[in-house]
Amino acid sequence: QNVKTIEDFCGSRNEWLEYVLFSNEVSSGEVVVSTVETIGRSCFDDNPALQYAMLPNTLISMGEDCFNDCPSLRAVSLPPADLKLSNCFNGCPSIYTIMVNAEEPYPFPDSSFVDVNRDACKLMVPAGSEELYRNAEGWKDFYKINGSESLGVSAAKDLVPHDGRAYNLDGTPKPDDEKGIAIQDGKVVIRK
């Protein structure tokens, strides 16, 4: 449970991988404990089914080419530390929510998020930090910069109504027959 490093190429080229979630908040099913500090190069790349990458707050380094060529990836949560990453999240045109947990913007990741539509993508940052991101190199290219009191899985839980229905981590309703991670009545659940 105290995993600190995910080795190179881990999780790459999976046809079935839909979620990479580092959280202690999942109420049923498998949980990846959020102690990871380093993700090796090319991890979680070339995953056509991957929809969400909620990275742990403990993460400080990612190798090159992580999470590239994940055309279904919709939402990413980045940690509060000055994350060192380069050439990541490319070939991911479906990303429309990026949550950055850092109150002060760190340098925009080099050659990353190249295929993201920055006019349509929501950049969620800690409440009160919006103006800093609007003026920070790279981050200022996002048209929709919004503040939130909580980010990552916690933010997703706050975005959806408590109405008994299941929702995806980006806040969109989840079809009744769809399996995977969902938020329902303020809890993160895994539907099997």
Protein backbone atom coordinates (compact mmCIF):
# COMPACT_ATOMS: atom_id res chain seq x y z
CA GLN A 1 0.00 0.00 0.00
CA ASN A 2 2.96 2.36 0.27
CA VAL A 3 3.89 2.28 -3.40
CA LYS A 4 6.25 5.16 -4.23
CA THR A 5 7.21 4.38 -7.85
CA ILE A 6 5.36 3.05 -10.87
CA GLU A 7 7.94 1.65 -13.29
CA ASP A 8 8.37 2.53 -16.97
CA PHE A 9 5.68 1.35 -19.39
CA CYS A 10 3.31 0.25 -16.61
CA GLY A 11 -0.31 0.34 -17.71
CA SER A 12 0.57 0.96 -21.35
CA ARG A 13 -1.29 -0.41 -24.33
CA ASN A 14 -4.34 -1.72 -22.50
CA GLU A 15 -7.57 -2.14 -24.41
CA TRP A 16 -9.66 -2.28 -21.21
CA LEU A 17 -8.17 0.33 -18.85
CA GLU A 18 -10.80 3.05 -18.26
CA TYR A 19 -9.61 4.80 -15.09
CA VAL A 20 -6.35 5.64 -13.34
CA LEU A 21 -7.46 6.73 -9.90
CA PHE A 22 -5.20 7.31 -6.94
CA SER A 23 -7.55 7.83 -4.03
CA ASN A 24 -8.63 6.59 -0.64
CA GLU A 25 -12.17 7.77 -1.38
CA VAL A 26 -13.53 4.80 -3.34
CA SER A 27 -16.25 3.13 -1.29
CA SER A 28 -16.17 -0.30 -2.96
CA GLY A 29 -13.94 -2.25 -5.27
CA GLU A 30 -10.22 -1.84 -5.78
CA VAL A 31 -8.39 1.17 -4.42
CA VAL A 32 -4.96 2.44 -5.39
CA VAL A 33 -3.55 4.14 -2.31
CA SER A 34 -2.36 7.64 -2.97
CA THR A 35 1.32 7.39 -2.01
CA VAL A 36 2.88 7.37 -5.49
CA GLU A 37 5.64 9.97 -5.99
CA THR A 38 7.07 8.89 -9.36
CA ILE A 39 5.53 7.50 -12.53
CA GLY A 40 8.04 6.13 -15.05
CA ARG A 41 8.22 6.99 -18.73
CA SER A 42 5.51 5.92 -21.14
CA CYS A 43 3.18 4.79 -18.36
CA PHE A 44 -0.48 4.57 -19.22
CA ASP A 45 0.10 5.53 -22.86
CA ASP A 46 -1.82 4.13 -25.83
CA ASN A 47 -4.98 3.30 -23.89
CA PRO A 48 -7.99 3.86 -26.15
CA ALA A 49 -10.56 3.25 -23.38
CA LEU A 50 -8.94 5.42 -20.67
CA GLN A 51 -11.36 8.16 -19.59
CA TYR A 52 -10.02 9.60 -16.33
CA ALA A 53 -6.57 10.16 -14.81
CA MET A 54 -6.86 11.40 -11.24
CA LEU A 55 -3.22 11.68 -10.15
CA PRO A 56 -2.22 11.61 -6.46
CA ASN A 57 -1.28 14.73 -4.53
CA THR A 58 1.99 12.97 -3.61
CA LEU A 59 3.15 12.82 -7.26
CA ILE A 60 6.24 14.93 -8.01
CA SER A 61 7.63 13.38 -11.21
CA MET A 62 6.34 11.72 -14.38
CA GLY A 63 8.52 10.32 -17.12
CA GLU A 64 8.17 11.43 -20.71
CA ASP A 65 5.31 10.20 -22.86
CA CYS A 66 2.88 9.29 -20.05
CA PHE A 67 -0.81 9.21 -20.91
CA ASN A 68 -0.17 9.89 -24.61
CA ASP A 69 -2.53 8.54 -27.27
CA CYS A 70 -5.52 8.11 -24.98
CA PRO A 71 -8.24 9.45 -27.30
CA SER A 72 -11.08 8.84 -24.81
CA LEU A 73 -9.37 10.61 -21.88
CA ARG A 74 -11.84 13.23 -20.63
CA ALA A 75 -10.54 14.53 -17.30
CA VAL A 76 -7.15 14.89 -15.62
CA SER A 77 -6.31 15.92 -12.06
CA LEU A 78 -2.78 17.24 -11.43
CA PRO A 79 -1.13 17.42 -7.98
CA PRO A 80 -0.31 20.58 -6.00
CA ALA A 81 3.48 20.12 -6.18
CA ASP A 82 5.57 21.50 -9.04
CA LEU A 83 5.05 18.42 -11.20
CA LYS A 84 7.92 17.61 -13.53
CA LEU A 85 6.55 16.20 -16.76
CA SER A 86 7.31 16.55 -20.44
CA ASN A 87 5.56 15.41 -23.60
CA CYS A 88 2.57 13.98 -21.71
CA PHE A 89 -1.18 13.95 -22.41
CA ASN A 90 -0.69 14.33 -26.17
CA GLY A 91 -3.03 12.57 -28.59
CA CYS A 92 -5.82 13.17 -26.07
CA PRO A 93 -8.27 15.45 -27.92
CA SER A 94 -11.21 14.52 -25.65
CA ILE A 95 -9.77 16.14 -22.50
CA TYR A 96 -12.18 18.86 -21.48
CA THR A 97 -11.44 19.15 -17.77
CA ILE A 98 -8.00 19.64 -16.22
CA MET A 99 -7.90 20.11 -12.46
CA VAL A 100 -4.68 21.60 -11.07
CA ASN A 101 -4.42 21.42 -7.29
CA ALA A 102 -1.62 24.01 -7.01
CA GLU A 103 -2.57 27.41 -5.58
CA GLU A 104 0.39 28.97 -7.42
CA PRO A 105 0.84 27.91 -11.04
CA TYR A 106 3.93 25.85 -11.68
CA PRO A 107 5.64 26.07 -15.09
CA PHE A 108 3.38 24.74 -17.79
CA PRO A 109 4.40 21.18 -18.72
CA ASP A 110 6.77 21.23 -21.71
CA SER A 111 5.24 19.90 -24.95
CA SER A 112 2.18 18.55 -23.12
CA PHE A 113 -1.58 18.78 -23.70
CA VAL A 114 -0.80 19.59 -27.35
CA ASP A 115 -4.08 18.23 -28.77
CA VAL A 116 -6.35 19.69 -26.08
CA ASN A 117 -8.82 22.30 -27.31
CA ARG A 118 -7.86 25.10 -24.92
CA ASP A 119 -10.88 27.17 -25.90
CA ALA A 120 -13.29 24.44 -24.77
CA CYS A 121 -11.33 22.74 -21.97
CA LYS A 122 -12.17 23.77 -18.39
CA LEU A 123 -9.11 24.47 -16.27
CA MET A 124 -10.17 24.04 -12.63
CA VAL A 125 -7.82 25.65 -10.08
CA PRO A 126 -8.06 26.38 -6.34
CA ALA A 127 -10.52 29.17 -5.55
CA GLY A 128 -8.69 32.51 -5.41
CA SER A 129 -5.96 31.38 -7.82
CA GLU A 130 -7.81 32.08 -11.06
CA GLU A 131 -6.05 35.38 -11.82
CA LEU A 132 -2.62 33.83 -11.25
CA TYR A 133 -3.41 31.15 -13.85
CA ARG A 134 -4.85 33.72 -16.28
CA ASN A 135 -1.45 35.44 -16.24
CA ALA A 136 0.82 32.37 -16.14
CA GLU A 137 2.65 31.24 -19.28
CA GLY A 138 0.95 28.23 -20.88
CA TRP A 139 -1.94 28.12 -18.41
CA LYS A 140 -3.25 31.49 -19.67
CA ASP A 141 -3.98 29.85 -23.05
CA PHE A 142 -7.02 28.13 -21.51
CA TYR A 143 -10.14 30.19 -22.11
CA LYS A 144 -12.21 28.70 -19.27
CA ILE A 145 -10.33 29.05 -15.96
CA ASN A 146 -12.55 28.42 -12.95
CA GLY A 147 -11.89 28.31 -9.22
CA SER A 148 -13.10 25.54 -6.95
CA GLU A 149 -12.87 24.90 -3.21
CA SER A 150 -11.96 21.24 -3.85
CA LEU A 151 -10.40 19.49 -6.83
CA GLY A 152 -9.86 15.94 -8.07
CA VAL A 153 -12.23 13.27 -6.79
CA SER A 154 -13.44 15.63 -4.06
CA ALA A 155 -14.38 18.24 -6.66
CA ALA A 156 -16.15 15.67 -8.77
CA LYS A 157 -18.22 14.67 -5.74
CA ASP A 158 -19.18 18.32 -5.22
CA LEU A 159 -20.13 18.87 -8.88
CA VAL A 160 -22.95 16.35 -9.07
CA PRO A 161 -26.37 16.40 -7.44
CA HIS A 162 -27.24 13.98 -4.64
CA ASP A 163 -30.28 12.56 -6.42
CA GLY A 164 -29.64 8.81 -6.38
CA ARG A 165 -28.34 8.78 -9.97
CA ALA A 166 -24.79 7.83 -10.93
CA TYR A 167 -22.45 10.35 -12.58
CA ASN A 168 -19.08 10.18 -14.33
CA LEU A 169 -16.13 11.93 -12.69
CA ASP A 170 -16.61 14.86 -15.05
CA GLY A 171 -20.15 15.39 -13.76
CA THR A 172 -22.05 13.97 -16.73
CA PRO A 173 -24.82 11.42 -16.06
CA LYS A 174 -23.71 7.78 -16.29
CA PRO A 175 -26.04 5.36 -18.13
CA ASP A 176 -27.70 2.88 -15.76
CA ASP A 177 -26.04 -0.13 -17.42
CA GLU A 178 -22.53 1.36 -17.62
CA LYS A 179 -19.88 -0.18 -15.37
CA GLY A 180 -16.83 1.52 -13.83
CA ILE A 181 -16.20 4.35 -11.41
CA ALA A 182 -19.14 6.61 -10.63
CA ILE A 183 -20.22 9.22 -8.12
CA GLN A 184 -23.52 8.54 -6.47
CA ASP A 185 -25.01 10.54 -3.62
CA GLY A 186 -21.65 12.07 -2.73
CA LYS A 187 -19.68 8.81 -2.75
CA VAL A 188 -17.25 7.36 -5.27
CA VAL A 189 -18.35 3.82 -6.15
CA ILE A 190 -17.19 1.14 -8.57
CA ARG A 191 -20.07 -0.39 -10.51
CA LYS A 192 -19.38 -3.95 -11.61
